[in-house]
Amino acid sequence: MKPTLVILAAGMGSRYGGLKQLDELGPNGEAIIDYSLYDAIRAGFGKVVFIIRTDFAEEFKARFEPKLKGRIQTEYVYQSLDKIPAGFTLNPAREKPWGTAHAVMMASGVVNEPMAVINADDFYGRESYQVMADFLASSVDPAEYSMIGYRVANTLSPFGTVSRGVCMTDENGNLTSVVERTKIQRDPDGIHYYEPEGRFPLAENTPVSMNFWGLKPNVFEYLNDGFGRFLEEKGQELKSEYFIPLLINENILSGKISTKVLACDAPWFGVTYREDKPDAQAQILSLIESGVYPRKLWE
């Protein structure tokens, strides 16, 4: 059974200032998501599920269906604030989406096989898809999850703070905890994350999650349980979000899953801010010139 790629593409791009999921970075108008799809197809993924918002669904389908037809099966599901379990009420003042774990919940009923989950606006590198596809094809234990790990020093933006899942591992390379830090930046005296209590240092080689996860189909029951608890505690808050690292951490600590941190030397870059775009364009061009990608991706 071929694994499925789930792409989280419903974000609002508030820091970027627009719909960065479709922003053109390649020499022929390719977005980062185009390269992700190309790499996933090469690695042997059999289906892609786009998690998007209804307000740009037609634009999204018109962009990708002609490219992907005959190459990989496609599905589209929609994330919205009102998609919450029965018995809970939505705070009418809330505008912010519920977060990445809630986004994955939208794929319930569409995905019944091992899956990789990625962000639409992160470039993960060709090797990472092969590493993840190999794991999903070989791992038969439904309790064994995985993630691609990156050094925090290689994932920062010079234009502002970034959000990362900061990881701790044991001697076997399994994740022991992952904590979402929403404000990380490089300061003159090193890398720090910021919390209301103050500023805290991070070592350069600290492994972080860039939201590239290898999950099993039973994740949906864990999501349903975890999101219900989240809503009980924080459902009336306007900005609290249920992130994938929170889901993973809860179920590692409860002993329900283990999560292998997969080593990978692939380059990572992203476009958190619009000022990140020129560097991302330059890195894509360098990969084309070195033969990793063709200049016209979908010919």
C-alpha atoms as a PDB file:
ATOM      1  CA  MET A   1       0.000   0.000   0.000  1.00  0.00           C
ATOM      2  CA  LYS A   2       1.476   3.337  -1.034  1.00  0.00           C
ATOM      3  CA  PRO A   3       1.576   6.065   1.622  1.00  0.00           C
ATOM      4  CA  THR A   4      -0.439   9.267   1.372  1.00  0.00           C
ATOM      5  CA  LEU A   5       0.896  12.819   1.544  1.00  0.00           C
ATOM      6  CA  VAL A   6      -1.269  15.236   3.556  1.00  0.00           C
ATOM      7  CA  ILE A   7      -0.492  18.891   2.810  1.00  0.00           C
ATOM      8  CA  LEU A   8      -1.554  21.560   5.304  1.00  0.00           C
ATOM      9  CA  ALA A   9      -2.466  24.483   3.069  1.00  0.00           C
ATOM     10  CA  ALA A  10      -5.285  26.261   4.913  1.00  0.00           C
ATOM     11  CA  GLY A  11      -3.095  28.840   6.664  1.00  0.00           C
ATOM     12  CA  MET A  12      -3.930  32.507   6.391  1.00  0.00           C
ATOM     13  CA  GLY A  13      -0.354  33.751   5.805  1.00  0.00           C
ATOM     14  CA  SER A  14      -0.777  36.679   8.213  1.00  0.00           C
ATOM     15  CA  ARG A  15       2.967  37.268   8.659  1.00  0.00           C
ATOM     16  CA  TYR A  16       3.636  36.765   4.954  1.00  0.00           C
ATOM     17  CA  GLY A  17       0.926  39.125   3.786  1.00  0.00           C
ATOM     18  CA  GLY A  18      -0.914  36.916   1.302  1.00  0.00           C
ATOM     19  CA  LEU A  19      -1.623  33.397   0.080  1.00  0.00           C
ATOM     20  CA  LYS A  20       1.955  32.144   0.205  1.00  0.00           C
ATOM     21  CA  GLN A  21       0.892  28.551  -0.571  1.00  0.00           C
ATOM     22  CA  LEU A  22       0.615  29.589  -4.236  1.00  0.00           C
ATOM     23  CA  ASP A  23       3.303  32.265  -4.424  1.00  0.00           C
ATOM     24  CA  GLU A  24       5.526  31.714  -7.455  1.00  0.00           C
ATOM     25  CA  LEU A  25       9.160  30.980  -6.595  1.00  0.00           C
ATOM     26  CA  GLY A  26      10.413  28.719  -9.408  1.00  0.00           C
ATOM     27  CA  PRO A  27      11.559  29.960 -12.832  1.00  0.00           C
ATOM     28  CA  ASN A  28       8.262  28.952 -14.461  1.00  0.00           C
ATOM     29  CA  GLY A  29       5.881  30.040 -11.741  1.00  0.00           C
ATOM     30  CA  GLU A  30       6.284  27.008  -9.484  1.00  0.00           C
ATOM     31  CA  ALA A  31       5.370  27.356  -5.806  1.00  0.00           C
ATOM     32  CA  ILE A  32       7.169  25.467  -3.043  1.00  0.00           C
ATOM     33  CA  ILE A  33       4.221  23.070  -2.997  1.00  0.00           C
ATOM     34  CA  ASP A  34       5.025  22.089  -6.607  1.00  0.00           C
ATOM     35  CA  TYR A  35       8.456  20.857  -5.558  1.00  0.00           C
ATOM     36  CA  SER A  36       6.972  18.999  -2.588  1.00  0.00           C
ATOM     37  CA  LEU A  37       4.550  17.188  -4.881  1.00  0.00           C
ATOM     38  CA  TYR A  38       7.286  16.403  -7.406  1.00  0.00           C
ATOM     39  CA  ASP A  39       9.509  14.947  -4.668  1.00  0.00           C
ATOM     40  CA  ALA A  40       6.655  12.929  -3.148  1.00  0.00           C
ATOM     41  CA  ILE A  41       5.731  11.381  -6.500  1.00  0.00           C
ATOM     42  CA  ARG A  42       9.378  10.418  -7.076  1.00  0.00           C
ATOM     43  CA  ALA A  43       9.511   8.855  -3.608  1.00  0.00           C
ATOM     44  CA  GLY A  44       6.471   6.651  -4.280  1.00  0.00           C
ATOM     45  CA  PHE A  45       3.544   8.357  -2.551  1.00  0.00           C
ATOM     46  CA  GLY A  46       0.257   7.255  -4.100  1.00  0.00           C
ATOM     47  CA  LYS A  47      -2.167   9.972  -3.022  1.00  0.00           C
ATOM     48  CA  VAL A  48      -2.102  13.597  -1.948  1.00  0.00           C
ATOM     49  CA  VAL A  49      -4.731  15.170   0.317  1.00  0.00           C
ATOM     50  CA  PHE A  50      -4.851  18.960   0.285  1.00  0.00           C
ATOM     51  CA  ILE A  51      -6.276  20.555   3.431  1.00  0.00           C
ATOM     52  CA  ILE A  52      -7.435  23.986   2.329  1.00  0.00           C
ATOM     53  CA  ARG A  53     -10.137  26.609   2.902  1.00  0.00           C
ATOM     54  CA  THR A  54     -13.267  26.783   0.801  1.00  0.00           C
ATOM     55  CA  ASP A  55     -12.615  30.392  -0.215  1.00  0.00           C
ATOM     56  CA  PHE A  56      -9.668  29.467  -2.425  1.00  0.00           C
ATOM     57  CA  ALA A  57     -10.672  25.913  -3.379  1.00  0.00           C
ATOM     58  CA  GLU A  58     -11.382  26.613  -7.048  1.00  0.00           C
ATOM     59  CA  GLU A  59      -8.128  28.508  -7.526  1.00  0.00           C
ATOM     60  CA  PHE A  60      -6.256  25.666  -5.861  1.00  0.00           C
ATOM     61  CA  LYS A  61      -7.831  22.931  -7.965  1.00  0.00           C
ATOM     62  CA  ALA A  62      -7.318  24.870 -11.190  1.00  0.00           C
ATOM     63  CA  ARG A  63      -3.656  25.228 -10.308  1.00  0.00           C
ATOM     64  CA  PHE A  64      -2.881  21.600  -9.464  1.00  0.00           C
ATOM     65  CA  GLU A  65      -5.342  19.267 -11.169  1.00  0.00           C
ATOM     66  CA  PRO A  66      -3.860  19.675 -14.689  1.00  0.00           C
ATOM     67  CA  LYS A  67      -0.360  19.001 -13.351  1.00  0.00           C
ATOM     68  CA  LEU A  68      -1.221  16.011 -11.182  1.00  0.00           C
ATOM     69  CA  LYS A  69      -3.731  14.155 -13.339  1.00  0.00           C
ATOM     70  CA  GLY A  70      -2.304  10.725 -14.152  1.00  0.00           C
ATOM     71  CA  ARG A  71       0.617  11.238 -11.769  1.00  0.00           C
ATOM     72  CA  ILE A  72      -0.976  10.897  -8.308  1.00  0.00           C
ATOM     73  CA  GLN A  73      -4.476  10.567  -6.839  1.00  0.00           C
ATOM     74  CA  THR A  74      -5.829  13.816  -5.347  1.00  0.00           C
ATOM     75  CA  GLU A  75      -8.343  14.644  -2.608  1.00  0.00           C
ATOM     76  CA  TYR A  76      -9.417  18.007  -1.159  1.00  0.00           C
ATOM     77  CA  VAL A  77     -10.781  18.580   2.337  1.00  0.00           C
ATOM     78  CA  TYR A  78     -11.661  21.835   4.043  1.00  0.00           C
ATOM     79  CA  GLN A  79     -10.672  23.299   7.390  1.00  0.00           C
ATOM     80  CA  SER A  80     -12.983  25.825   9.042  1.00  0.00           C
ATOM     81  CA  LEU A  81     -13.594  27.113  12.543  1.00  0.00           C
ATOM     82  CA  ASP A  82     -17.037  25.568  12.830  1.00  0.00           C
ATOM     83  CA  LYS A  83     -15.771  22.003  12.330  1.00  0.00           C
ATOM     84  CA  ILE A  84     -15.637  21.040  15.994  1.00  0.00           C
ATOM     85  CA  PRO A  85     -17.076  18.027  17.861  1.00  0.00           C
ATOM     86  CA  ALA A  86     -20.705  18.000  18.940  1.00  0.00           C
ATOM     87  CA  GLY A  87     -21.317  19.477  22.347  1.00  0.00           C
ATOM     88  CA  PHE A  88     -18.873  22.372  21.993  1.00  0.00           C
ATOM     89  CA  THR A  89     -19.733  25.932  21.012  1.00  0.00           C
ATOM     90  CA  LEU A  90     -17.651  28.323  18.946  1.00  0.00           C
ATOM     91  CA  ASN A  91     -16.695  31.663  20.483  1.00  0.00           C
ATOM     92  CA  PRO A  92     -18.242  34.082  17.944  1.00  0.00           C
ATOM     93  CA  ALA A  93     -15.303  36.465  18.355  1.00  0.00           C
ATOM     94  CA  ARG A  94     -12.722  33.871  17.296  1.00  0.00           C
ATOM     95  CA  GLU A  95     -11.124  34.305  13.848  1.00  0.00           C
ATOM     96  CA  LYS A  96      -7.860  32.360  14.161  1.00  0.00           C
ATOM     97  CA  PRO A  97      -7.838  28.744  12.842  1.00  0.00           C
ATOM     98  CA  TRP A  98      -7.645  25.931  15.395  1.00  0.00           C
ATOM     99  CA  GLY A  99      -4.123  24.863  14.398  1.00  0.00           C
ATOM    100  CA  THR A 100      -2.281  22.109  12.573  1.00  0.00           C
ATOM    101  CA  ALA A 101      -3.641  19.138  14.560  1.00  0.00           C
ATOM    102  CA  HIS A 102      -7.192  20.311  13.879  1.00  0.00           C
ATOM    103  CA  ALA A 103      -6.249  20.591  10.194  1.00  0.00           C
ATOM    104  CA  VAL A 104      -5.157  16.937  10.096  1.00  0.00           C
ATOM    105  CA  MET A 105      -8.510  15.956  11.643  1.00  0.00           C
ATOM    106  CA  MET A 106     -10.189  17.162   8.454  1.00  0.00           C
ATOM    107  CA  ALA A 107      -8.658  14.198   6.584  1.00  0.00           C
ATOM    108  CA  SER A 108     -10.523  11.646   8.693  1.00  0.00           C
ATOM    109  CA  GLY A 109     -12.467   9.342   6.392  1.00  0.00           C
ATOM    110  CA  VAL A 110     -10.271  10.241   3.429  1.00  0.00           C
ATOM    111  CA  VAL A 111      -6.984   8.720   4.629  1.00  0.00           C
ATOM    112  CA  ASN A 112      -6.927   5.053   5.686  1.00  0.00           C
ATOM    113  CA  GLU A 113      -3.235   4.299   5.107  1.00  0.00           C
ATOM    114  CA  PRO A 114       0.093   5.453   6.618  1.00  0.00           C
ATOM    115  CA  MET A 115       0.608   9.117   5.875  1.00  0.00           C
ATOM    116  CA  ALA A 116       3.153  11.898   5.849  1.00  0.00           C
ATOM    117  CA  VAL A 117       2.009  15.359   6.907  1.00  0.00           C
ATOM    118  CA  ILE A 118       3.768  18.524   5.711  1.00  0.00           C
ATOM    119  CA  ASN A 119       3.300  22.289   5.551  1.00  0.00           C
ATOM    120  CA  ALA A 120       2.496  23.699   2.122  1.00  0.00           C
ATOM    121  CA  ASP A 121       4.992  26.552   2.441  1.00  0.00           C
ATOM    122  CA  ASP A 122       8.078  24.635   3.655  1.00  0.00           C
ATOM    123  CA  PHE A 123      10.707  23.237   1.292  1.00  0.00           C
ATOM    124  CA  TYR A 124      11.865  19.955   2.828  1.00  0.00           C
ATOM    125  CA  GLY A 125      14.248  18.596   0.180  1.00  0.00           C
ATOM    126  CA  ARG A 126      14.127  15.559  -2.076  1.00  0.00           C
ATOM    127  CA  GLU A 127      15.874  13.200   0.341  1.00  0.00           C
ATOM    128  CA  SER A 128      13.383  13.814   3.137  1.00  0.00           C
ATOM    129  CA  TYR A 129      10.483  12.406   1.107  1.00  0.00           C
ATOM    130  CA  GLN A 130      12.438   9.251   0.291  1.00  0.00           C
ATOM    131  CA  VAL A 131      13.439   8.779   3.931  1.00  0.00           C
ATOM    132  CA  MET A 132       9.831   9.196   5.041  1.00  0.00           C
ATOM    133  CA  ALA A 133       8.409   6.974   2.277  1.00  0.00           C
ATOM    134  CA  ASP A 134      10.872   4.216   3.223  1.00  0.00           C
ATOM    135  CA  PHE A 135       9.848   4.472   6.878  1.00  0.00           C
ATOM    136  CA  LEU A 136       6.126   4.344   6.115  1.00  0.00           C
ATOM    137  CA  ALA A 137       6.609   1.358   3.793  1.00  0.00           C
ATOM    138  CA  SER A 138       8.664  -0.637   6.305  1.00  0.00           C
ATOM    139  CA  SER A 139       7.063   0.242   9.659  1.00  0.00           C
ATOM    140  CA  VAL A 140       4.320  -2.279  10.470  1.00  0.00           C
ATOM    141  CA  ASP A 141       3.748  -1.295  14.117  1.00  0.00           C
ATOM    142  CA  PRO A 142       0.644   0.956  14.288  1.00  0.00           C
ATOM    143  CA  ALA A 143       2.111   2.624  17.393  1.00  0.00           C
ATOM    144  CA  GLU A 144       5.364   3.633  15.640  1.00  0.00           C
ATOM    145  CA  TYR A 145       5.251   7.193  14.291  1.00  0.00           C
ATOM    146  CA  SER A 146       8.103   9.322  12.942  1.00  0.00           C
ATOM    147  CA  MET A 147       9.284  12.817  12.118  1.00  0.00           C
ATOM    148  CA  ILE A 148      12.027  14.386  10.023  1.00  0.00           C
ATOM    149  CA  GLY A 149      14.347  16.387  12.294  1.00  0.00           C
ATOM    150  CA  TYR A 150      16.265  19.549  11.388  1.00  0.00           C
ATOM    151  CA  ARG A 151      18.880  21.595  13.295  1.00  0.00           C
ATOM    152  CA  VAL A 152      17.213  24.725  14.675  1.00  0.00           C
ATOM    153  CA  ALA A 153      20.105  26.863  13.381  1.00  0.00           C
ATOM    154  CA  ASN A 154      19.182  25.898   9.824  1.00  0.00           C
ATOM    155  CA  THR A 155      15.519  26.851  10.133  1.00  0.00           C
ATOM    156  CA  LEU A 156      15.543  30.498  11.222  1.00  0.00           C
ATOM    157  CA  SER A 157      14.523  33.656   9.388  1.00  0.00           C
ATOM    158  CA  PRO A 158      16.533  36.895   9.594  1.00  0.00           C
ATOM    159  CA  PHE A 159      13.285  38.842   9.295  1.00  0.00           C
ATOM    160  CA  GLY A 160      11.462  37.867  12.482  1.00  0.00           C
ATOM    161  CA  THR A 161      10.591  35.111  14.924  1.00  0.00           C
ATOM    162  CA  VAL A 162       9.574  31.606  13.808  1.00  0.00           C
ATOM    163  CA  SER A 163       7.520  28.815  15.380  1.00  0.00           C
ATOM    164  CA  ARG A 164       9.214  25.425  15.840  1.00  0.00           C
ATOM    165  CA  GLY A 165       8.571  22.195  17.705  1.00  0.00           C
ATOM    166  CA  VAL A 166      11.650  21.827  19.943  1.00  0.00           C
ATOM    167  CA  CYS A 167      12.522  18.143  20.423  1.00  0.00           C
ATOM    168  CA  MET A 168      14.186  15.958  23.020  1.00  0.00           C
ATOM    169  CA  THR A 169      15.309  12.420  22.098  1.00  0.00           C
ATOM    170  CA  ASP A 170      16.473   9.312  23.925  1.00  0.00           C
ATOM    171  CA  GLU A 171      19.516   7.123  23.232  1.00  0.00           C
ATOM    172  CA  ASN A 172      17.586   5.196  20.557  1.00  0.00           C
ATOM    173  CA  GLY A 173      16.673   8.280  18.559  1.00  0.00           C
ATOM    174  CA  ASN A 174      13.054   8.270  19.704  1.00  0.00           C
ATOM    175  CA  LEU A 175      11.295  11.490  20.573  1.00  0.00           C
ATOM    176  CA  THR A 176      10.722  11.905  24.309  1.00  0.00           C
ATOM    177  CA  SER A 177       8.989  15.270  24.090  1.00  0.00           C
ATOM    178  CA  VAL A 178       8.263  18.059  21.638  1.00  0.00           C
ATOM    179  CA  VAL A 179       7.239  21.528  22.744  1.00  0.00           C
ATOM    180  CA  GLU A 180       5.934  24.152  20.355  1.00  0.00           C
ATOM    181  CA  ARG A 181       7.893  27.379  20.774  1.00  0.00           C
ATOM    182  CA  THR A 182       6.112  30.106  18.854  1.00  0.00           C
ATOM    183  CA  LYS A 183       8.791  32.826  19.026  1.00  0.00           C
ATOM    184  CA  ILE A 184      12.338  31.706  18.179  1.00  0.00           C
ATOM    185  CA  GLN A 185      15.002  33.972  16.723  1.00  0.00           C
ATOM    186  CA  ARG A 186      18.758  34.461  16.445  1.00  0.00           C
ATOM    187  CA  ASP A 187      19.989  37.264  18.689  1.00  0.00           C
ATOM    188  CA  PRO A 188      23.514  38.748  18.820  1.00  0.00           C
ATOM    189  CA  ASP A 189      24.300  36.414  21.722  1.00  0.00           C
ATOM    190  CA  GLY A 190      22.783  33.235  20.229  1.00  0.00           C
ATOM    191  CA  ILE A 191      19.445  31.566  19.506  1.00  0.00           C
ATOM    192  CA  HIS A 192      16.609  32.112  21.975  1.00  0.00           C
ATOM    193  CA  TYR A 193      12.923  31.397  22.339  1.00  0.00           C
ATOM    194  CA  TYR A 194      10.598  33.877  24.005  1.00  0.00           C
ATOM    195  CA  GLU A 195       7.827  33.215  26.497  1.00  0.00           C
ATOM    196  CA  PRO A 196       5.866  35.590  28.750  1.00  0.00           C
ATOM    197  CA  GLU A 197       8.284  34.596  31.545  1.00  0.00           C
ATOM    198  CA  GLY A 198      11.362  35.702  29.614  1.00  0.00           C
ATOM    199  CA  ARG A 199      14.027  34.711  27.076  1.00  0.00           C
ATOM    200  CA  PHE A 200      15.568  31.209  27.004  1.00  0.00           C
ATOM    201  CA  PRO A 201      18.594  29.892  25.048  1.00  0.00           C
ATOM    202  CA  LEU A 202      18.585  27.096  22.445  1.00  0.00           C
ATOM    203  CA  ALA A 203      21.709  25.264  21.275  1.00  0.00           C
ATOM    204  CA  GLU A 204      22.490  25.564  17.560  1.00  0.00           C
ATOM    205  CA  ASN A 205      22.062  21.817  16.928  1.00  0.00           C
ATOM    206  CA  THR A 206      18.798  21.417  18.877  1.00  0.00           C
ATOM    207  CA  PRO A 207      16.532  19.156  16.763  1.00  0.00           C
ATOM    208  CA  VAL A 208      13.276  20.793  15.783  1.00  0.00           C
ATOM    209  CA  SER A 209      10.167  19.640  14.024  1.00  0.00           C
ATOM    210  CA  MET A 210       9.333  21.410  10.775  1.00  0.00           C
ATOM    211  CA  ASN A 211       5.948  19.664  10.745  1.00  0.00           C
ATOM    212  CA  PHE A 212       7.056  16.738   8.577  1.00  0.00           C
ATOM    213  CA  TRP A 213       5.419  13.809  10.385  1.00  0.00           C
ATOM    214  CA  GLY A 214       4.940  10.136   9.626  1.00  0.00           C
ATOM    215  CA  LEU A 215       1.586   9.058  11.094  1.00  0.00           C
ATOM    216  CA  LYS A 216      -0.555   5.929  11.145  1.00  0.00           C
ATOM    217  CA  PRO A 217      -4.343   5.829  10.535  1.00  0.00           C
ATOM    218  CA  ASN A 218      -5.072   5.464  14.257  1.00  0.00           C
ATOM    219  CA  VAL A 219      -3.969   9.096  14.633  1.00  0.00           C
ATOM    220  CA  PHE A 220      -7.562  10.166  13.986  1.00  0.00           C
ATOM    221  CA  GLU A 221      -8.845   8.607  17.213  1.00  0.00           C
ATOM    222  CA  TYR A 222      -6.019  10.298  19.117  1.00  0.00           C
ATOM    223  CA  LEU A 223      -6.862  13.591  17.417  1.00  0.00           C
ATOM    224  CA  ASN A 224     -10.531  13.349  18.308  1.00  0.00           C
ATOM    225  CA  ASP A 225      -9.751  12.668  21.963  1.00  0.00           C
ATOM    226  CA  GLY A 226      -7.038  15.298  22.217  1.00  0.00           C
ATOM    227  CA  PHE A 227      -8.959  18.056  20.473  1.00  0.00           C
ATOM    228  CA  GLY A 228     -11.928  17.464  22.750  1.00  0.00           C
ATOM    229  CA  ARG A 229      -9.695  17.972  25.803  1.00  0.00           C
ATOM    230  CA  PHE A 230      -8.176  21.059  24.183  1.00  0.00           C
ATOM    231  CA  LEU A 231     -11.626  22.582  23.625  1.00  0.00           C
ATOM    232  CA  GLU A 232     -12.641  21.875  27.223  1.00  0.00           C
ATOM    233  CA  GLU A 233      -9.580  23.758  28.474  1.00  0.00           C
ATOM    234  CA  LYS A 234      -9.080  26.498  25.877  1.00  0.00           C
ATOM    235  CA  GLY A 235     -11.999  26.403  23.477  1.00  0.00           C
ATOM    236  CA  GLN A 236     -13.282  29.852  24.413  1.00  0.00           C
ATOM    237  CA  GLU A 237      -9.893  31.527  23.997  1.00  0.00           C
ATOM    238  CA  LEU A 238      -9.399  33.549  20.818  1.00  0.00           C
ATOM    239  CA  LYS A 239      -5.881  32.507  19.812  1.00  0.00           C
ATOM    240  CA  SER A 240      -4.948  29.171  21.435  1.00  0.00           C
ATOM    241  CA  GLU A 241      -4.228  26.458  18.843  1.00  0.00           C
ATOM    242  CA  TYR A 242      -4.018  22.667  18.889  1.00  0.00           C
ATOM    243  CA  PHE A 243      -0.689  21.854  17.239  1.00  0.00           C
ATOM    244  CA  ILE A 244       0.561  18.480  15.964  1.00  0.00           C
ATOM    245  CA  PRO A 245       3.476  18.551  18.445  1.00  0.00           C
ATOM    246  CA  LEU A 246       0.946  18.804  21.285  1.00  0.00           C
ATOM    247  CA  LEU A 247      -0.851  15.732  19.947  1.00  0.00           C
ATOM    248  CA  ILE A 248       2.408  13.779  19.577  1.00  0.00           C
ATOM    249  CA  ASN A 249       3.677  14.804  22.985  1.00  0.00           C
ATOM    250  CA  GLU A 250       0.436  13.789  24.727  1.00  0.00           C
ATOM    251  CA  ASN A 251       0.507  10.325  23.219  1.00  0.00           C
ATOM    252  CA  ILE A 252       4.212   9.728  23.777  1.00  0.00           C
ATOM    253  CA  LEU A 253       3.806  10.619  27.453  1.00  0.00           C
ATOM    254  CA  SER A 254       0.745   8.357  27.775  1.00  0.00           C
ATOM    255  CA  GLY A 255       2.672   5.451  26.207  1.00  0.00           C
ATOM    256  CA  LYS A 256       0.355   5.051  23.220  1.00  0.00           C
ATOM    257  CA  ILE A 257       2.980   5.774  20.559  1.00  0.00           C
ATOM    258  CA  SER A 258       6.704   6.052  19.945  1.00  0.00           C
ATOM    259  CA  THR A 259       8.086   8.539  17.418  1.00  0.00           C
ATOM    260  CA  LYS A 260      11.329   7.913  15.569  1.00  0.00           C
ATOM    261  CA  VAL A 261      13.362  11.002  14.669  1.00  0.00           C
ATOM    262  CA  LEU A 262      14.571  10.297  11.125  1.00  0.00           C
ATOM    263  CA  ALA A 263      17.982  11.685  10.231  1.00  0.00           C
ATOM    264  CA  CYS A 264      18.069  13.523   6.922  1.00  0.00           C
ATOM    265  CA  ASP A 265      20.605  15.856   5.292  1.00  0.00           C
ATOM    266  CA  ALA A 266      18.085  17.500   2.976  1.00  0.00           C
ATOM    267  CA  PRO A 267      18.095  21.296   2.854  1.00  0.00           C
ATOM    268  CA  TRP A 268      15.159  23.066   4.469  1.00  0.00           C
ATOM    269  CA  PHE A 269      13.938  26.562   3.764  1.00  0.00           C
ATOM    270  CA  GLY A 270      10.658  28.396   4.010  1.00  0.00           C
ATOM    271  CA  VAL A 271       8.877  31.669   3.425  1.00  0.00           C
ATOM    272  CA  THR A 272       7.563  32.740   6.804  1.00  0.00           C
ATOM    273  CA  TYR A 273       7.943  36.387   5.777  1.00  0.00           C
ATOM    274  CA  ARG A 274       7.754  38.002   2.352  1.00  0.00           C
ATOM    275  CA  GLU A 275      11.380  39.081   2.792  1.00  0.00           C
ATOM    276  CA  ASP A 276      12.334  35.369   2.786  1.00  0.00           C
ATOM    277  CA  LYS A 277      11.234  35.024  -0.847  1.00  0.00           C
ATOM    278  CA  PRO A 278      14.436  36.115  -2.687  1.00  0.00           C
ATOM    279  CA  ASP A 279      16.555  33.636  -0.716  1.00  0.00           C
ATOM    280  CA  ALA A 280      14.082  30.822  -1.397  1.00  0.00           C
ATOM    281  CA  GLN A 281      14.128  31.652  -5.114  1.00  0.00           C
ATOM    282  CA  ALA A 282      17.927  31.581  -5.129  1.00  0.00           C
ATOM    283  CA  GLN A 283      18.043  28.206  -3.379  1.00  0.00           C
ATOM    284  CA  ILE A 284      15.573  26.688  -5.849  1.00  0.00           C
ATOM    285  CA  LEU A 285      17.601  28.013  -8.771  1.00  0.00           C
ATOM    286  CA  SER A 286      20.764  26.488  -7.276  1.00  0.00           C
ATOM    287  CA  LEU A 287      19.069  23.080  -7.007  1.00  0.00           C
ATOM    288  CA  ILE A 288      17.951  23.334 -10.638  1.00  0.00           C
ATOM    289  CA  GLU A 289      21.455  24.227 -11.776  1.00  0.00           C
ATOM    290  CA  SER A 290      22.880  21.260  -9.854  1.00  0.00           C
ATOM    291  CA  GLY A 291      20.432  18.881 -11.569  1.00  0.00           C
ATOM    292  CA  VAL A 292      18.143  18.050  -8.649  1.00  0.00           C
ATOM    293  CA  TYR A 293      15.119  19.481 -10.517  1.00  0.00           C
ATOM    294  CA  PRO A 294      14.372  20.200 -14.165  1.00  0.00           C
ATOM    295  CA  ARG A 295      13.911  23.842 -15.072  1.00  0.00           C
ATOM    296  CA  LYS A 296      10.334  23.134 -16.208  1.00  0.00           C
ATOM    297  CA  LEU A 297       9.073  20.918 -13.431  1.00  0.00           C
ATOM    298  CA  TRP A 298       5.940  19.374 -14.936  1.00  0.00           C
ATOM    299  CA  GLU A 299       6.953  18.763 -18.552  1.00  0.00           C
END
